[in-house]
Amino acid sequence: MDLLLRHLLLGTRGGETRLRLLKEAVAEPKNAHQLAKALGVDYKTVRHHLDVLQKNGLMVMVGEGYGAGYVLSPGKAADFGAIWDEFGKR
């Protein structure tokens, strides 16, 4: 498992929010507004975490502009699944 991924999702203060964002975007692309509403958190908080996840290669943007959706990066599903399972055991 990727140590950076593990650290970003389990070893930081914002890790739980990032995990929830990834979980929410696994099934279908969602834009920042949809993610904020689904998670019940501030839009700016979601934007910050999306930026962190994108910079670290965990999420990619689908489309352009305000309505662009976000999804889990290709090839990260197995790592995400393992980390989600570990998170659930805490």
C-alpha atoms as a PDB file:
ATOM      1  CA  MET A   1       0.000   0.000   0.000  1.00  0.00           C
ATOM      2  CA  ASP A   2       1.204   3.485  -0.856  1.00  0.00           C
ATOM      3  CA  LEU A   3       2.582   5.129   2.312  1.00  0.00           C
ATOM      4  CA  LEU A   4       1.721   8.644   1.126  1.00  0.00           C
ATOM      5  CA  LEU A   5      -1.863   7.582   0.514  1.00  0.00           C
ATOM      6  CA  ARG A   6      -2.038   5.978   3.946  1.00  0.00           C
ATOM      7  CA  HIS A   7      -0.618   9.104   5.596  1.00  0.00           C
ATOM      8  CA  LEU A   8      -2.997  11.501   3.776  1.00  0.00           C
ATOM      9  CA  LEU A   9      -6.054   9.456   4.687  1.00  0.00           C
ATOM     10  CA  LEU A  10      -5.253   7.987   8.098  1.00  0.00           C
ATOM     11  CA  GLY A  11      -2.412  10.046   9.544  1.00  0.00           C
ATOM     12  CA  THR A  12      -3.628  13.638   9.200  1.00  0.00           C
ATOM     13  CA  ARG A  13      -6.322  15.753  10.801  1.00  0.00           C
ATOM     14  CA  GLY A  14      -8.249  16.050   7.529  1.00  0.00           C
ATOM     15  CA  GLY A  15      -7.913  12.380   6.670  1.00  0.00           C
ATOM     16  CA  GLU A  16     -11.453  11.414   7.607  1.00  0.00           C
ATOM     17  CA  THR A  17     -12.902  14.156   5.397  1.00  0.00           C
ATOM     18  CA  ARG A  18     -10.678  13.044   2.519  1.00  0.00           C
ATOM     19  CA  LEU A  19     -11.773   9.439   2.980  1.00  0.00           C
ATOM     20  CA  ARG A  20     -15.414  10.491   2.932  1.00  0.00           C
ATOM     21  CA  LEU A  21     -14.854  12.537  -0.247  1.00  0.00           C
ATOM     22  CA  LEU A  22     -13.241   9.578  -1.985  1.00  0.00           C
ATOM     23  CA  LYS A  23     -15.992   7.215  -0.836  1.00  0.00           C
ATOM     24  CA  GLU A  24     -18.661   9.620  -2.095  1.00  0.00           C
ATOM     25  CA  ALA A  25     -17.001   9.964  -5.526  1.00  0.00           C
ATOM     26  CA  VAL A  26     -16.327   6.252  -6.112  1.00  0.00           C
ATOM     27  CA  ALA A  27     -19.756   5.441  -7.556  1.00  0.00           C
ATOM     28  CA  GLU A  28     -20.089   8.436  -9.884  1.00  0.00           C
ATOM     29  CA  PRO A  29     -18.415  11.786 -10.553  1.00  0.00           C
ATOM     30  CA  LYS A  30     -19.641  14.597  -8.319  1.00  0.00           C
ATOM     31  CA  ASN A  31     -18.741  18.266  -8.333  1.00  0.00           C
ATOM     32  CA  ALA A  32     -17.527  20.163  -5.269  1.00  0.00           C
ATOM     33  CA  HIS A  33     -20.981  21.526  -4.467  1.00  0.00           C
ATOM     34  CA  GLN A  34     -22.564  18.051  -4.597  1.00  0.00           C
ATOM     35  CA  LEU A  35     -19.796  16.644  -2.404  1.00  0.00           C
ATOM     36  CA  ALA A  36     -20.162  19.453   0.150  1.00  0.00           C
ATOM     37  CA  LYS A  37     -23.903  18.853   0.349  1.00  0.00           C
ATOM     38  CA  ALA A  38     -23.542  15.059   0.617  1.00  0.00           C
ATOM     39  CA  LEU A  39     -20.958  15.316   3.400  1.00  0.00           C
ATOM     40  CA  GLY A  40     -22.570  18.250   5.199  1.00  0.00           C
ATOM     41  CA  VAL A  41     -19.373  20.314   5.158  1.00  0.00           C
ATOM     42  CA  ASP A  42     -18.482  23.777   3.892  1.00  0.00           C
ATOM     43  CA  TYR A  43     -17.794  24.181   0.163  1.00  0.00           C
ATOM     44  CA  LYS A  44     -14.386  25.787   0.844  1.00  0.00           C
ATOM     45  CA  THR A  45     -13.412  22.824   3.020  1.00  0.00           C
ATOM     46  CA  VAL A  46     -14.295  20.445   0.195  1.00  0.00           C
ATOM     47  CA  ARG A  47     -12.304  22.544  -2.318  1.00  0.00           C
ATOM     48  CA  HIS A  48      -9.244  22.430  -0.040  1.00  0.00           C
ATOM     49  CA  HIS A  49      -9.401  18.654   0.350  1.00  0.00           C
ATOM     50  CA  LEU A  50     -10.052  18.116  -3.363  1.00  0.00           C
ATOM     51  CA  ASP A  51      -6.933  20.176  -4.127  1.00  0.00           C
ATOM     52  CA  VAL A  52      -4.868  18.036  -1.722  1.00  0.00           C
ATOM     53  CA  LEU A  53      -6.233  14.809  -3.214  1.00  0.00           C
ATOM     54  CA  GLN A  54      -5.603  15.979  -6.788  1.00  0.00           C
ATOM     55  CA  LYS A  55      -2.048  17.167  -6.050  1.00  0.00           C
ATOM     56  CA  ASN A  56      -1.278  13.742  -4.629  1.00  0.00           C
ATOM     57  CA  GLY A  57      -2.793  11.807  -7.523  1.00  0.00           C
ATOM     58  CA  LEU A  58      -5.748  10.330  -5.646  1.00  0.00           C
ATOM     59  CA  MET A  59      -8.560  12.099  -7.495  1.00  0.00           C
ATOM     60  CA  VAL A  60      -8.962  13.384 -11.019  1.00  0.00           C
ATOM     61  CA  MET A  61     -11.320  15.981 -12.424  1.00  0.00           C
ATOM     62  CA  VAL A  62     -13.790  14.923 -15.111  1.00  0.00           C
ATOM     63  CA  GLY A  63     -14.949  17.823 -17.257  1.00  0.00           C
ATOM     64  CA  GLU A  64     -14.160  21.506 -16.950  1.00  0.00           C
ATOM     65  CA  GLY A  65     -15.312  24.554 -15.049  1.00  0.00           C
ATOM     66  CA  TYR A  66     -17.636  24.899 -12.086  1.00  0.00           C
ATOM     67  CA  GLY A  67     -19.627  21.740 -12.772  1.00  0.00           C
ATOM     68  CA  ALA A  68     -16.595  19.485 -13.223  1.00  0.00           C
ATOM     69  CA  GLY A  69     -16.894  16.206 -11.367  1.00  0.00           C
ATOM     70  CA  TYR A  70     -14.264  14.369  -9.361  1.00  0.00           C
ATOM     71  CA  VAL A  71     -13.547  10.645  -9.272  1.00  0.00           C
ATOM     72  CA  LEU A  72     -11.017   8.307  -7.717  1.00  0.00           C
ATOM     73  CA  SER A  73      -7.873   8.161  -9.858  1.00  0.00           C
ATOM     74  CA  PRO A  74      -7.537   5.060 -12.041  1.00  0.00           C
ATOM     75  CA  GLY A  75      -5.512   2.346 -10.345  1.00  0.00           C
ATOM     76  CA  LYS A  76      -6.203   3.581  -6.795  1.00  0.00           C
ATOM     77  CA  ALA A  77      -9.325   1.524  -6.050  1.00  0.00           C
ATOM     78  CA  ALA A  78      -7.483  -1.370  -4.378  1.00  0.00           C
ATOM     79  CA  ASP A  79      -5.431   0.941  -2.151  1.00  0.00           C
ATOM     80  CA  PHE A  80      -8.522   2.961  -1.260  1.00  0.00           C
ATOM     81  CA  GLY A  81     -10.453  -0.199  -0.411  1.00  0.00           C
ATOM     82  CA  ALA A  82      -7.706  -1.404   1.932  1.00  0.00           C
ATOM     83  CA  ILE A  83      -7.499   1.968   3.677  1.00  0.00           C
ATOM     84  CA  TRP A  84     -11.297   2.228   3.984  1.00  0.00           C
ATOM     85  CA  ASP A  85     -11.323  -1.208   5.643  1.00  0.00           C
ATOM     86  CA  GLU A  86      -8.556  -0.136   8.033  1.00  0.00           C
ATOM     87  CA  PHE A  87     -10.427   3.086   8.839  1.00  0.00           C
ATOM     88  CA  GLY A  88     -13.556   1.081   9.646  1.00  0.00           C
ATOM     89  CA  LYS A  89     -11.637  -0.986  12.205  1.00  0.00           C
ATOM     90  CA  ARG A  90     -10.656   2.092  14.226  1.00  0.00           C
END
